[in-house]
């Protein structure tokens, strides 16, 4: 398995997934990975931080830095 996301077919609809985040450091990697491993390639994941005081913002930055979308 590679980290590269296959290109979406030109007619594939865009799917937006909104994930609210509040002190979710313990579970958010599993949640994000689950969304990113879906077979539908034309998707965007929107993470919304609601004032987390744990390591959630750093995890969000890490995923944003390694995903070219």
C-alpha atoms as a PDB file:
ATOM      1  CA  UNK A   1       0.000   0.000   0.000  1.00  0.00           C
ATOM      2  CA  UNK A   2       1.310   3.446  -0.872  1.00  0.00           C
ATOM      3  CA  UNK A   3       0.509   6.874   0.530  1.00  0.00           C
ATOM      4  CA  UNK A   4      -0.384   8.157  -2.936  1.00  0.00           C
ATOM      5  CA  UNK A   5      -4.064   8.779  -3.565  1.00  0.00           C
ATOM      6  CA  UNK A   6      -5.188   7.522  -6.969  1.00  0.00           C
ATOM      7  CA  UNK A   7      -6.582  10.190  -9.275  1.00  0.00           C
ATOM      8  CA  UNK A   8     -10.343  10.480  -9.186  1.00  0.00           C
ATOM      9  CA  UNK A   9     -12.370   9.831 -12.327  1.00  0.00           C
ATOM     10  CA  UNK A  10     -13.408  13.098 -13.945  1.00  0.00           C
ATOM     11  CA  UNK A  11     -17.086  12.380 -13.305  1.00  0.00           C
ATOM     12  CA  UNK A  12     -16.690  11.342  -9.650  1.00  0.00           C
ATOM     13  CA  UNK A  13     -18.527  13.709  -7.320  1.00  0.00           C
ATOM     14  CA  UNK A  14     -16.573  15.505  -4.615  1.00  0.00           C
ATOM     15  CA  UNK A  15     -17.330  14.161  -1.167  1.00  0.00           C
ATOM     16  CA  UNK A  16     -16.627  16.409   1.812  1.00  0.00           C
ATOM     17  CA  UNK A  17     -16.156  14.890   5.251  1.00  0.00           C
ATOM     18  CA  UNK A  18     -16.265  17.304   8.181  1.00  0.00           C
ATOM     19  CA  UNK A  19     -14.648  16.022  11.377  1.00  0.00           C
ATOM     20  CA  UNK A  20     -14.999  18.137  14.521  1.00  0.00           C
ATOM     21  CA  UNK A  21     -11.976  17.841  16.795  1.00  0.00           C
ATOM     22  CA  UNK A  22     -11.857  18.549  20.518  1.00  0.00           C
ATOM     23  CA  UNK A  23      -9.150  16.897  22.604  1.00  0.00           C
ATOM     24  CA  UNK A  24      -9.190  13.885  20.288  1.00  0.00           C
ATOM     25  CA  UNK A  25      -5.475  13.084  20.322  1.00  0.00           C
ATOM     26  CA  UNK A  26      -6.099   9.502  21.448  1.00  0.00           C
ATOM     27  CA  UNK A  27      -8.458   8.599  18.599  1.00  0.00           C
ATOM     28  CA  UNK A  28      -8.053  11.043  15.734  1.00  0.00           C
ATOM     29  CA  UNK A  29      -5.262   9.250  13.845  1.00  0.00           C
ATOM     30  CA  UNK A  30      -7.482   6.189  13.518  1.00  0.00           C
ATOM     31  CA  UNK A  31     -10.428   8.370  12.450  1.00  0.00           C
ATOM     32  CA  UNK A  32      -8.425  10.335   9.874  1.00  0.00           C
ATOM     33  CA  UNK A  33      -6.819   7.183   8.466  1.00  0.00           C
ATOM     34  CA  UNK A  34     -10.249   5.585   8.128  1.00  0.00           C
ATOM     35  CA  UNK A  35     -11.510   8.479   5.999  1.00  0.00           C
ATOM     36  CA  UNK A  36      -8.353   8.657   3.875  1.00  0.00           C
ATOM     37  CA  UNK A  37      -8.453   4.903   3.152  1.00  0.00           C
ATOM     38  CA  UNK A  38     -11.896   5.025   1.552  1.00  0.00           C
ATOM     39  CA  UNK A  39     -12.115   3.794  -2.014  1.00  0.00           C
ATOM     40  CA  UNK A  40     -13.713   7.043  -3.234  1.00  0.00           C
ATOM     41  CA  UNK A  41     -10.689   9.097  -4.236  1.00  0.00           C
ATOM     42  CA  UNK A  42     -12.360  12.455  -4.876  1.00  0.00           C
ATOM     43  CA  UNK A  43     -12.787  13.559  -1.289  1.00  0.00           C
ATOM     44  CA  UNK A  44     -11.771  16.302   1.042  1.00  0.00           C
ATOM     45  CA  UNK A  45     -11.418  15.967   4.778  1.00  0.00           C
ATOM     46  CA  UNK A  46     -12.124  19.107   6.763  1.00  0.00           C
ATOM     47  CA  UNK A  47     -10.878  18.985  10.346  1.00  0.00           C
ATOM     48  CA  UNK A  48     -12.372  21.650  12.610  1.00  0.00           C
ATOM     49  CA  UNK A  49     -10.526  22.258  15.860  1.00  0.00           C
ATOM     50  CA  UNK A  50     -12.782  23.492  18.645  1.00  0.00           C
ATOM     51  CA  UNK A  51     -10.085  24.696  21.035  1.00  0.00           C
ATOM     52  CA  UNK A  52      -8.299  21.448  21.798  1.00  0.00           C
ATOM     53  CA  UNK A  53      -5.781  21.586  24.631  1.00  0.00           C
ATOM     54  CA  UNK A  54      -4.038  18.318  23.827  1.00  0.00           C
ATOM     55  CA  UNK A  55      -1.891  17.317  20.860  1.00  0.00           C
ATOM     56  CA  UNK A  56      -4.762  17.377  18.356  1.00  0.00           C
ATOM     57  CA  UNK A  57      -3.618  20.544  16.517  1.00  0.00           C
ATOM     58  CA  UNK A  58      -0.142  19.058  15.956  1.00  0.00           C
ATOM     59  CA  UNK A  59      -1.670  15.887  14.521  1.00  0.00           C
ATOM     60  CA  UNK A  60      -3.834  17.985  12.209  1.00  0.00           C
ATOM     61  CA  UNK A  61      -0.752  19.882  11.013  1.00  0.00           C
ATOM     62  CA  UNK A  62       1.116  16.604  10.456  1.00  0.00           C
ATOM     63  CA  UNK A  63      -1.601  15.191   8.211  1.00  0.00           C
ATOM     64  CA  UNK A  64      -2.012  18.484   6.328  1.00  0.00           C
ATOM     65  CA  UNK A  65       1.725  18.599   5.598  1.00  0.00           C
ATOM     66  CA  UNK A  66       1.862  15.126   4.086  1.00  0.00           C
ATOM     67  CA  UNK A  67      -1.347  15.180   1.998  1.00  0.00           C
ATOM     68  CA  UNK A  68      -0.994  17.170  -1.237  1.00  0.00           C
ATOM     69  CA  UNK A  69      -4.703  17.898  -1.530  1.00  0.00           C
END
